[in-house]
Amino acid sequence: MNKTVAEARDLVFKMSLKLREISGVEKVLCPPFPSLVAVSALLAGTDIGLGAQNMHWEAKGAFTGEIAPDMVAEFCQYVIIGHSERRMYFGETDESVNKKVRAAQAADLTPIVCVGETLEQYESKRTGEVVARQIRDGLAGTESSLASRLVIAYEPVWAIGTGRASTSDNAEGVVRDVIRPALTELFGADAAQAIRVLYGGSVTAANAAEYFARPEIDGALVGGASLKVDEFLAITQAAAQN
């Protein structure tokens, strides 16, 4: 929940000029809802994608304050679903994530599905159990033919906005030993390998290259650092070089 429309327009204008010069990497910006129209206009004709930060699963109806899939798809190609802050503060569950993923697929949107454990779950060594359940229940019954258009973001809750990033070794281990096997169980080995898995949680220009060097990590879901032009450009450049 950052930036007014005017501020978002200014940030994206400055950022997109340089982002367009970085090739070999997929780039997606996900501003708050009020800024989607303005940012969409700025990104028109570029190779930079646009995503929303959330959406409802119903196509329409009396759901005051919510945004329908087709409203998102009018401007966006992507939508973030199940971010830990949505789970923590707004009652998001694996069931609601599942409904939203299905609705996103039906609206021809690419879901960026967030999974991750809390600090208590991490310290009690329940990461595997929690993340596998989030994958299994959050993606149950989704279209296997569209699996290659899924994006998973592993975001340990204890690393988001805390400055305490997961080590690249730990992050890759969760992707390799928990996320890929859970995806394989749902979609088969070939489809599971085709699904992009990102790391998120205190990603900065200083540590990004370390994550991108890991073969199981396909990119990053960047939070606070995306609000700083030079920082985000440096992260994107690091991704393009790996």
Protein backbone atom coordinates (compact mmCIF):
# COMPACT_ATOMS: atom_id res chain seq x y z
CA MET A 1 0.00 0.00 0.00
CA ASN A 2 2.46 2.55 -1.31
CA LYS A 3 2.38 5.47 -3.78
CA THR A 4 -0.46 7.65 -4.99
CA VAL A 5 -1.36 7.45 -8.68
CA ALA A 6 0.84 10.47 -9.42
CA GLU A 7 3.74 8.98 -7.45
CA ALA A 8 3.32 5.59 -9.13
CA ARG A 9 3.27 7.20 -12.56
CA ASP A 10 6.48 9.08 -11.78
CA LEU A 11 8.20 5.96 -10.39
CA VAL A 12 7.23 3.76 -13.32
CA PHE A 13 8.13 6.42 -15.89
CA LYS A 14 11.66 6.68 -14.47
CA MET A 15 11.99 2.94 -13.98
CA SER A 16 10.60 1.79 -17.33
CA LEU A 17 13.07 3.84 -19.35
CA LYS A 18 15.93 1.72 -18.00
CA LEU A 19 13.97 -1.52 -17.61
CA ARG A 20 13.33 -1.60 -21.35
CA GLU A 21 17.09 -1.68 -21.92
CA ILE A 22 17.49 -4.88 -19.88
CA SER A 23 16.85 -7.95 -22.02
CA GLY A 24 16.82 -11.66 -21.33
CA VAL A 25 14.54 -11.48 -18.30
CA GLU A 26 10.77 -11.24 -17.79
CA LYS A 27 9.75 -8.04 -16.00
CA VAL A 28 6.39 -7.45 -14.30
CA LEU A 29 5.22 -4.49 -12.20
CA CYS A 30 2.35 -4.89 -9.71
CA PRO A 31 1.08 -1.53 -8.42
CA PRO A 32 -1.99 -1.01 -6.21
CA PHE A 33 -5.40 -1.05 -7.90
CA PRO A 34 -5.86 2.74 -8.28
CA SER A 35 -2.65 2.97 -10.31
CA LEU A 36 -3.27 0.11 -12.74
CA VAL A 37 -4.86 2.24 -15.47
CA ALA A 38 -2.14 4.90 -15.36
CA VAL A 39 0.71 2.36 -15.24
CA SER A 40 -0.90 0.31 -18.03
CA ALA A 41 -0.76 3.34 -20.30
CA LEU A 42 2.92 3.89 -19.49
CA LEU A 43 3.81 0.26 -20.22
CA ALA A 44 1.84 -0.02 -23.48
CA GLY A 45 4.10 -1.19 -26.29
CA THR A 46 6.91 -2.27 -23.96
CA ASP A 47 8.04 -5.74 -22.90
CA ILE A 48 7.14 -5.02 -19.27
CA GLY A 49 4.13 -6.90 -17.93
CA LEU A 50 1.52 -5.61 -15.49
CA GLY A 51 0.00 -7.41 -12.54
CA ALA A 52 -2.54 -6.71 -9.80
CA GLN A 53 -1.83 -7.39 -6.13
CA ASN A 54 -5.05 -9.32 -5.49
CA MET A 55 -8.53 -10.07 -6.85
CA HIS A 56 -11.80 -11.78 -5.93
CA TRP A 57 -12.83 -15.14 -7.36
CA GLU A 58 -16.40 -14.17 -8.26
CA ALA A 59 -17.08 -12.81 -11.74
CA LYS A 60 -19.45 -10.13 -10.43
CA GLY A 61 -21.94 -9.46 -7.67
CA ALA A 62 -22.53 -7.61 -4.40
CA PHE A 63 -18.97 -7.76 -3.08
CA THR A 64 -18.35 -4.12 -2.27
CA GLY A 65 -14.68 -3.17 -2.36
CA GLU A 66 -13.57 -6.27 -4.27
CA ILE A 67 -12.16 -6.50 -7.80
CA ALA A 68 -13.42 -9.13 -10.27
CA PRO A 69 -11.09 -11.19 -12.49
CA ASP A 70 -12.27 -9.52 -15.70
CA MET A 71 -11.65 -6.09 -14.16
CA VAL A 72 -8.06 -7.13 -13.54
CA ALA A 73 -7.68 -8.77 -16.96
CA GLU A 74 -8.79 -5.59 -18.69
CA PHE A 75 -5.38 -4.08 -17.87
CA CYS A 76 -3.18 -6.87 -16.48
CA GLN A 77 -1.59 -10.12 -17.55
CA TYR A 78 -0.69 -11.25 -14.00
CA VAL A 79 -2.20 -11.28 -10.53
CA ILE A 80 -0.59 -11.98 -7.16
CA ILE A 81 -2.61 -14.46 -5.11
CA GLY A 82 -2.22 -15.53 -1.48
CA HIS A 83 0.49 -13.10 -0.42
CA SER A 84 1.41 -13.67 3.21
CA GLU A 85 0.05 -10.26 4.19
CA ARG A 86 -3.31 -11.23 2.67
CA ARG A 87 -3.21 -14.48 4.66
CA MET A 88 -2.07 -12.77 7.86
CA TYR A 89 -4.26 -9.66 7.94
CA PHE A 90 -7.26 -10.42 5.73
CA GLY A 91 -8.14 -14.04 6.40
CA GLU A 92 -6.86 -15.49 3.14
CA THR A 93 -6.84 -19.31 3.26
CA ASP A 94 -5.69 -22.12 1.03
CA GLU A 95 -9.33 -22.53 0.02
CA SER A 96 -9.71 -18.89 -1.06
CA VAL A 97 -6.34 -19.06 -2.83
CA ASN A 98 -7.60 -22.08 -4.76
CA LYS A 99 -10.77 -20.26 -5.82
CA LYS A 100 -8.76 -17.26 -6.96
CA VAL A 101 -6.25 -19.34 -8.92
CA ARG A 102 -9.07 -21.08 -10.78
CA ALA A 103 -10.77 -17.75 -11.49
CA ALA A 104 -7.50 -16.21 -12.68
CA GLN A 105 -6.93 -19.08 -15.09
CA ALA A 106 -10.47 -18.74 -16.41
CA ALA A 107 -9.83 -15.03 -17.02
CA ASP A 108 -6.61 -15.79 -18.92
CA LEU A 109 -4.45 -14.27 -16.16
CA THR A 110 -1.17 -15.75 -14.96
CA PRO A 111 -1.41 -16.31 -11.18
CA ILE A 112 1.65 -15.57 -9.04
CA VAL A 113 0.83 -17.82 -6.09
CA CYS A 114 2.62 -17.06 -2.83
CA VAL A 115 3.53 -19.73 -0.29
CA GLY A 116 5.66 -19.61 2.84
CA GLU A 117 5.90 -20.40 6.52
CA THR A 118 5.79 -18.18 9.62
CA LEU A 119 8.73 -17.79 11.99
CA GLU A 120 7.14 -20.18 14.50
CA GLN A 121 6.62 -22.81 11.79
CA TYR A 122 10.17 -22.32 10.53
CA GLU A 123 11.70 -22.68 14.00
CA SER A 124 9.63 -25.78 14.72
CA LYS A 125 10.88 -27.29 11.44
CA ARG A 126 7.44 -27.41 9.83
CA THR A 127 8.41 -25.59 6.64
CA GLY A 128 8.01 -28.66 4.43
CA GLU A 129 4.62 -29.56 5.89
CA VAL A 130 3.24 -26.02 5.61
CA VAL A 131 4.52 -25.17 2.14
CA ALA A 132 3.54 -28.54 0.65
CA ARG A 133 0.02 -28.11 2.04
CA GLN A 134 -0.25 -24.60 0.61
CA ILE A 135 0.79 -25.91 -2.82
CA ARG A 136 -1.43 -28.99 -2.68
CA ASP A 137 -4.57 -27.26 -1.39
CA GLY A 138 -4.04 -23.94 -3.13
CA LEU A 139 -3.67 -25.52 -6.57
CA ALA A 140 -5.95 -28.55 -6.22
CA GLY A 141 -8.13 -29.09 -9.27
CA THR A 142 -6.55 -26.32 -11.31
CA GLU A 143 -6.11 -26.75 -15.05
CA SER A 144 -3.06 -28.95 -15.61
CA SER A 145 -2.91 -27.78 -19.22
CA LEU A 146 -2.24 -24.29 -17.88
CA ALA A 147 0.39 -25.35 -15.34
CA SER A 148 3.20 -23.81 -17.38
CA ARG A 149 1.54 -20.41 -16.88
CA LEU A 150 1.58 -20.72 -13.12
CA VAL A 151 4.20 -18.82 -11.13
CA ILE A 152 5.00 -19.80 -7.53
CA ALA A 153 6.65 -17.35 -5.15
CA TYR A 154 8.30 -18.84 -2.07
CA GLU A 155 8.09 -16.08 0.53
CA PRO A 156 8.98 -17.14 4.06
CA VAL A 157 6.82 -14.88 6.21
CA TRP A 158 9.66 -14.28 8.65
CA ALA A 159 11.75 -12.74 5.85
CA ILE A 160 9.21 -10.30 4.41
CA GLY A 161 10.00 -6.68 5.25
CA THR A 162 12.19 -7.71 8.16
CA GLY A 163 15.62 -7.38 6.56
CA ARG A 164 16.16 -11.01 7.56
CA ALA A 165 16.37 -12.78 4.22
CA SER A 166 16.45 -16.54 3.89
CA THR A 167 19.83 -17.86 2.83
CA SER A 168 19.99 -18.85 -0.81
CA ASP A 169 20.83 -22.39 0.28
CA ASN A 170 17.70 -22.61 2.42
CA ALA A 171 15.50 -21.03 -0.25
CA GLU A 172 16.76 -23.37 -2.96
CA GLY A 173 16.30 -26.34 -0.64
CA VAL A 174 12.64 -25.50 -0.10
CA VAL A 175 12.09 -25.14 -3.84
CA ARG A 176 13.94 -28.37 -4.67
CA ASP A 177 12.75 -30.57 -1.80
CA VAL A 178 9.24 -29.25 -1.14
CA ILE A 179 7.79 -27.09 -3.91
CA ARG A 180 8.92 -29.05 -6.99
CA PRO A 181 7.85 -32.41 -5.52
CA ALA A 182 4.44 -30.98 -4.56
CA LEU A 183 4.02 -29.57 -8.07
CA THR A 184 5.11 -32.93 -9.54
CA GLU A 185 2.44 -34.69 -7.50
CA LEU A 186 -0.19 -32.36 -8.95
CA PHE A 187 0.94 -31.92 -12.55
CA GLY A 188 3.66 -34.46 -13.34
CA ALA A 189 7.42 -34.03 -13.53
CA ASP A 190 7.67 -32.24 -16.87
CA ALA A 191 5.02 -29.64 -16.02
CA ALA A 192 6.49 -29.13 -12.54
CA GLN A 193 9.89 -28.28 -14.02
CA ALA A 194 8.28 -25.80 -16.43
CA ILE A 195 6.64 -23.81 -13.62
CA ARG A 196 8.65 -20.76 -12.61
CA VAL A 197 9.44 -20.52 -8.90
CA LEU A 198 10.52 -17.18 -7.47
CA TYR A 199 12.01 -16.23 -4.13
CA GLY A 200 10.64 -13.28 -2.17
CA GLY A 201 11.54 -11.86 1.20
CA SER A 202 13.96 -8.94 1.75
CA VAL A 203 15.45 -9.26 -1.74
CA THR A 204 17.89 -6.40 -2.37
CA ALA A 205 20.46 -5.39 -4.95
CA ALA A 206 23.12 -6.67 -2.55
CA ASN A 207 21.78 -10.23 -2.26
CA ALA A 208 19.78 -10.78 -5.47
CA ALA A 209 22.61 -12.33 -7.51
CA GLU A 210 23.10 -14.95 -4.80
CA TYR A 211 19.53 -16.20 -5.28
CA PHE A 212 19.60 -16.00 -9.06
CA ALA A 213 22.75 -18.10 -9.16
CA ARG A 214 20.78 -21.02 -7.71
CA PRO A 215 19.42 -23.23 -10.52
CA GLU A 216 16.12 -23.95 -8.75
CA ILE A 217 15.27 -20.26 -8.28
CA ASP A 218 13.86 -18.66 -11.44
CA GLY A 219 13.50 -15.06 -10.27
CA ALA A 220 12.31 -12.82 -7.45
CA LEU A 221 9.12 -11.27 -6.15
CA VAL A 222 10.50 -7.96 -4.94
CA GLY A 223 8.84 -5.91 -2.20
CA GLY A 224 10.28 -2.74 -0.68
CA ALA A 225 13.24 -2.61 -3.04
CA SER A 226 10.85 -2.19 -5.97
CA LEU A 227 10.00 1.29 -4.67
CA LYS A 228 13.55 2.47 -5.36
CA VAL A 229 14.44 2.91 -9.03
CA ASP A 230 18.16 2.16 -8.81
CA GLU A 231 17.65 -0.76 -6.44
CA PHE A 232 15.04 -2.46 -8.61
CA LEU A 233 17.05 -1.89 -11.77
CA ALA A 234 20.09 -3.50 -10.14
CA ILE A 235 18.01 -6.54 -9.12
CA THR A 236 16.61 -6.86 -12.64
CA GLN A 237 20.09 -6.59 -14.12
CA ALA A 238 21.32 -9.32 -11.77
CA ALA A 239 18.48 -11.58 -12.96
CA ALA A 240 19.36 -10.94 -16.60
CA GLN A 241 22.97 -11.97 -15.99
CA ASN A 242 22.06 -15.39 -14.52
